[in-house]
């Protein structure tokens, strides 16, 4: 009984899987956008050197309603190459920059323009930068208009601004410079002068207490005094 139940479940799983695969197979595959395919052909012709044919293909792509900014950039490049002047494609460059800002068809413009260099690339980047700045200014202006409209309709309430008032005075108890009363409290008392003591005699021979000239030491105490008596001969080791 268990074996038959297992076989039945396996049969149902196989049947459901088959139906699912058949349903996926019945879904038609979507082909590539024909405008993208034509754009790719135009780019191939442009880099191959046939800019006239590339411009013709891009004219058809743009006439069919393409919102791809790359089609306008490369048509402007074709016009600049044919005329020999980067200014010839400025109108298409400006239209391409606006389409890039609108974002109806999001593409990697920088990747597509990697191989484009020189003065015409500088012109394109200047136009792109100008378009981005203009778009930002427009966005900020719209935001301000919406805010002003919200204020007029009352949906946004701005709290009233506090009036400008002078700061509250500091309490007298906390003001150390209120009236200088603490600084003038009491009468200053002079300190008593210290009594002068007599100077102690100094042992410095060069000080004022040194003996005055003419106060010679006693002759008895002077080894170089006037004693002219030579020592006895018996006491002179060098005597004859």
Protein backbone atom coordinates (compact mmCIF):
# COMPACT_ATOMS: atom_id res chain seq x y z
CA UNK A 1 0.00 0.00 0.00
CA UNK A 2 2.84 2.37 0.91
CA UNK A 3 4.61 1.64 -2.39
CA UNK A 4 1.54 2.48 -4.46
CA UNK A 5 1.03 5.77 -2.58
CA UNK A 6 4.66 6.75 -3.21
CA UNK A 7 4.35 5.98 -6.92
CA UNK A 8 1.16 8.06 -7.13
CA UNK A 9 2.84 11.09 -5.54
CA UNK A 10 5.82 10.78 -7.89
CA UNK A 11 3.47 10.61 -10.89
CA UNK A 12 1.65 13.78 -9.80
CA UNK A 13 4.98 15.64 -9.31
CA UNK A 14 6.17 14.63 -12.77
CA UNK A 15 2.89 15.71 -14.34
CA UNK A 16 2.95 19.15 -12.66
CA UNK A 17 6.55 19.67 -13.71
CA UNK A 18 5.67 18.87 -17.30
CA UNK A 19 2.79 21.35 -17.30
CA UNK A 20 5.05 24.08 -15.88
CA UNK A 21 7.71 23.53 -18.53
CA UNK A 22 5.08 23.59 -21.26
CA UNK A 23 3.70 26.88 -19.94
CA UNK A 24 7.14 28.51 -19.94
CA UNK A 25 7.78 27.24 -23.45
CA UNK A 26 4.52 28.79 -24.64
CA UNK A 27 5.58 32.29 -23.47
CA UNK A 28 6.85 34.22 -26.51
CA UNK A 29 10.34 35.64 -26.19
CA UNK A 30 10.60 39.42 -26.45
CA UNK A 31 12.90 40.61 -29.18
CA UNK A 32 15.32 43.51 -28.77
CA UNK A 33 13.92 47.00 -29.21
CA UNK A 34 14.29 47.76 -32.95
CA UNK A 35 15.36 51.33 -32.13
CA UNK A 36 18.21 50.02 -29.98
CA UNK A 37 19.22 47.72 -32.80
CA UNK A 38 19.23 50.62 -35.27
CA UNK A 39 21.22 52.75 -32.82
CA UNK A 40 23.82 49.99 -32.60
CA UNK A 41 24.13 49.91 -36.39
CA UNK A 42 24.59 53.68 -36.48
CA UNK A 43 27.39 53.54 -33.91
CA UNK A 44 29.09 50.81 -35.89
CA UNK A 45 28.99 52.98 -39.02
CA UNK A 46 30.23 56.04 -37.10
CA UNK A 47 33.34 54.33 -35.76
CA UNK A 48 33.88 52.65 -39.14
CA UNK A 49 34.21 56.14 -40.61
CA UNK A 50 30.95 56.38 -42.56
CA UNK A 51 29.46 59.28 -40.57
CA UNK A 52 26.98 60.15 -43.32
CA UNK A 53 25.32 56.75 -43.14
CA UNK A 54 25.42 56.84 -39.36
CA UNK A 55 23.62 60.20 -39.40
CA UNK A 56 20.92 58.84 -41.71
CA UNK A 57 20.24 55.89 -39.40
CA UNK A 58 20.14 58.15 -36.35
CA UNK A 59 17.69 60.46 -38.15
CA UNK A 60 15.36 57.47 -38.53
CA UNK A 61 15.81 56.48 -34.87
CA UNK A 62 14.99 59.98 -33.61
CA UNK A 63 12.07 60.37 -36.03
CA UNK A 64 10.62 57.12 -34.63
CA UNK A 65 10.35 58.79 -31.20
CA UNK A 66 13.45 57.50 -29.45
CA UNK A 67 14.12 59.07 -26.02
CA UNK A 68 17.66 57.71 -25.95
CA UNK A 69 20.04 60.64 -25.33
CA UNK A 70 22.88 58.72 -26.98
CA UNK A 71 21.12 58.95 -30.37
CA UNK A 72 21.17 62.76 -30.14
CA UNK A 73 24.75 62.88 -28.90
CA UNK A 74 26.01 60.78 -31.80
CA UNK A 75 23.91 62.57 -34.37
CA UNK A 76 25.50 65.80 -33.16
CA UNK A 77 28.90 64.13 -33.44
CA UNK A 78 28.11 63.14 -37.01
CA UNK A 79 27.15 66.72 -37.83
CA UNK A 80 30.35 68.03 -36.23
CA UNK A 81 32.46 65.52 -38.18
CA UNK A 82 30.79 66.35 -41.49
CA UNK A 83 31.06 70.13 -41.07
CA UNK A 84 34.44 70.07 -39.34
CA UNK A 85 33.18 72.29 -36.51
CA UNK A 86 32.19 71.12 -33.00
CA UNK A 87 29.57 73.89 -32.89
CA UNK A 88 27.55 72.17 -35.63
CA UNK A 89 26.16 69.55 -33.22
CA UNK A 90 25.35 71.90 -30.32
CA UNK A 91 21.57 71.73 -30.81
CA UNK A 92 21.58 67.93 -30.63
CA UNK A 93 23.97 68.00 -27.68
CA UNK A 94 21.61 70.26 -25.73
CA UNK A 95 18.63 68.06 -26.57
CA UNK A 96 20.57 64.98 -25.49
CA UNK A 97 21.53 66.60 -22.17
CA UNK A 98 17.89 67.44 -21.47
CA UNK A 99 16.81 63.86 -22.25
CA UNK A 100 19.54 62.65 -19.92
CA UNK A 101 18.13 64.83 -17.12
CA UNK A 102 14.54 63.74 -17.78
CA UNK A 103 15.58 60.10 -17.46
CA UNK A 104 12.85 58.63 -19.69
CA UNK A 105 15.43 56.14 -20.93
CA UNK A 106 18.21 55.48 -18.44
CA UNK A 107 21.47 54.64 -20.21
CA UNK A 108 25.17 54.95 -19.42
CA UNK A 109 26.06 58.03 -21.44
CA UNK A 110 29.60 58.30 -20.03
CA UNK A 111 30.40 54.75 -21.13
CA UNK A 112 29.08 55.44 -24.63
CA UNK A 113 31.22 58.57 -25.01
CA UNK A 114 34.48 57.06 -23.75
CA UNK A 115 36.06 57.02 -27.21
CA UNK A 116 35.03 60.60 -27.98
CA UNK A 117 37.86 63.01 -27.17
CA UNK A 118 39.10 66.46 -28.09
CA UNK A 119 37.29 69.78 -28.34
CA UNK A 120 33.93 68.24 -29.17
CA UNK A 121 34.04 66.13 -25.99
CA UNK A 122 34.81 69.24 -23.94
CA UNK A 123 31.82 70.93 -25.53
CA UNK A 124 29.55 67.99 -24.69
CA UNK A 125 30.68 67.89 -21.05
CA UNK A 126 30.14 71.64 -20.71
CA UNK A 127 26.58 71.31 -22.01
CA UNK A 128 25.90 68.36 -19.69
CA UNK A 129 27.18 70.28 -16.68
CA UNK A 130 25.10 73.34 -17.56
CA UNK A 131 21.99 71.18 -17.92
CA UNK A 132 22.52 69.60 -14.50
CA UNK A 133 22.92 72.99 -12.82
CA UNK A 134 19.79 74.32 -14.53
CA UNK A 135 17.86 71.24 -13.42
CA UNK A 136 18.97 71.70 -9.83
CA UNK A 137 17.99 75.37 -9.81
CA UNK A 138 14.60 74.47 -11.23
CA UNK A 139 14.11 71.81 -8.56
CA UNK A 140 14.95 74.24 -5.74
CA UNK A 141 12.58 76.83 -7.18
CA UNK A 142 9.76 74.28 -7.32
CA UNK A 143 10.44 73.29 -3.73
CA UNK A 144 10.21 76.92 -2.64
CA UNK A 145 6.96 77.41 -4.53
CA UNK A 146 5.44 74.35 -2.87
CA UNK A 147 6.52 75.58 0.55
CA UNK A 148 5.05 79.04 -0.03
CA UNK A 149 1.80 77.46 -1.21
CA UNK A 150 1.68 75.30 1.93
CA UNK A 151 2.10 78.40 4.07
CA UNK A 152 -0.73 80.18 2.28
CA UNK A 153 -3.04 77.17 2.57
CA UNK A 154 -2.24 76.69 6.24
CA UNK A 155 -1.06 73.10 5.90
CA UNK A 156 2.29 74.14 7.31
CA UNK A 157 2.33 76.21 10.49
CA UNK A 158 5.46 78.15 11.31
CA UNK A 159 5.88 78.82 15.05
CA UNK A 160 6.01 82.53 15.90
CA UNK A 161 9.40 83.99 16.42
CA UNK A 162 10.25 84.97 19.96
CA UNK A 163 10.52 88.78 20.37
CA UNK A 164 13.93 90.27 20.83
CA UNK A 165 14.18 91.26 24.50
CA UNK A 166 17.08 92.35 26.63
CA UNK A 167 18.59 89.65 28.82
CA UNK A 168 17.42 89.54 32.43
CA UNK A 169 19.75 91.31 34.88
CA UNK A 170 22.03 89.21 37.02
CA UNK A 171 20.81 88.97 40.66
CA UNK A 172 22.79 91.19 43.03
CA UNK A 173 23.84 88.23 45.13
CA UNK A 174 25.60 86.73 42.13
CA UNK A 175 27.15 89.95 40.83
CA UNK A 176 30.64 90.45 42.33
CA UNK A 177 30.96 93.88 40.69
CA UNK A 178 27.58 95.28 41.73
CA UNK A 179 28.83 98.31 43.72
CA UNK A 180 32.34 97.25 44.80
CA UNK A 181 31.02 96.99 48.35
CA UNK A 182 32.95 93.82 48.99
CA UNK A 183 36.15 95.41 47.70
CA UNK A 184 35.91 98.46 50.06
CA UNK A 185 34.83 96.65 53.18
CA UNK A 186 36.93 97.58 56.27
CA UNK A 187 39.87 99.96 56.75
CA UNK A 188 43.33 98.77 55.81
CA UNK A 189 45.77 98.57 58.77
CA UNK A 190 49.44 99.28 58.04
CA UNK A 191 51.90 96.63 59.10
CA UNK A 192 54.30 97.63 61.95
CA UNK A 193 57.83 98.38 60.89
CA UNK A 194 60.38 95.84 61.95
CA UNK A 195 62.98 97.19 64.44
CA UNK A 196 66.41 97.59 62.95
CA UNK A 197 69.14 95.53 64.61
CA UNK A 198 72.74 96.61 65.00
CA UNK A 199 74.93 95.02 62.39
CA UNK A 200 77.11 92.22 63.70
CA UNK A 201 80.86 92.57 63.31
CA UNK A 202 81.98 91.10 60.08
CA UNK A 203 84.88 88.75 59.57
CA UNK A 204 85.34 89.94 56.02
CA UNK A 205 88.72 91.67 55.74
CA UNK A 206 87.34 93.77 52.92
CA UNK A 207 84.30 94.97 54.79
CA UNK A 208 83.99 98.18 56.72
CA UNK A 209 85.04 96.51 60.00
CA UNK A 210 88.59 95.74 58.79
CA UNK A 211 91.43 97.35 60.78
CA UNK A 212 92.33 100.80 59.59
CA UNK A 213 95.75 101.47 58.00
CA UNK A 214 98.42 102.27 60.58
CA UNK A 215 96.92 99.94 63.16
CA UNK A 216 99.81 97.53 62.85
CA UNK A 217 99.97 94.34 64.81
CA UNK A 218 102.37 94.27 67.83
CA UNK A 219 106.00 93.64 66.97
CA UNK A 220 106.08 90.54 69.08
CA UNK A 221 103.42 89.00 66.99
CA UNK A 222 104.99 90.04 63.66
CA UNK A 223 107.28 87.32 62.23
CA UNK A 224 108.76 89.89 59.91
CA UNK A 225 109.20 92.55 62.55
CA UNK A 226 112.41 94.36 63.47
CA UNK A 227 114.17 91.48 65.35
CA UNK A 228 117.81 91.66 64.04
CA UNK A 229 119.33 89.22 66.53
CA UNK A 230 120.44 86.10 64.59
CA UNK A 231 119.86 82.78 66.19
CA UNK A 232 122.76 81.22 68.16
CA UNK A 233 125.39 79.46 66.09
CA UNK A 234 124.74 76.23 67.80
CA UNK A 235 121.25 76.41 66.60
CA UNK A 236 122.18 77.27 62.95
CA UNK A 237 122.47 74.04 60.91
CA UNK A 238 124.28 75.96 58.19
CA UNK A 239 126.72 77.74 60.42
CA UNK A 240 130.53 77.45 60.14
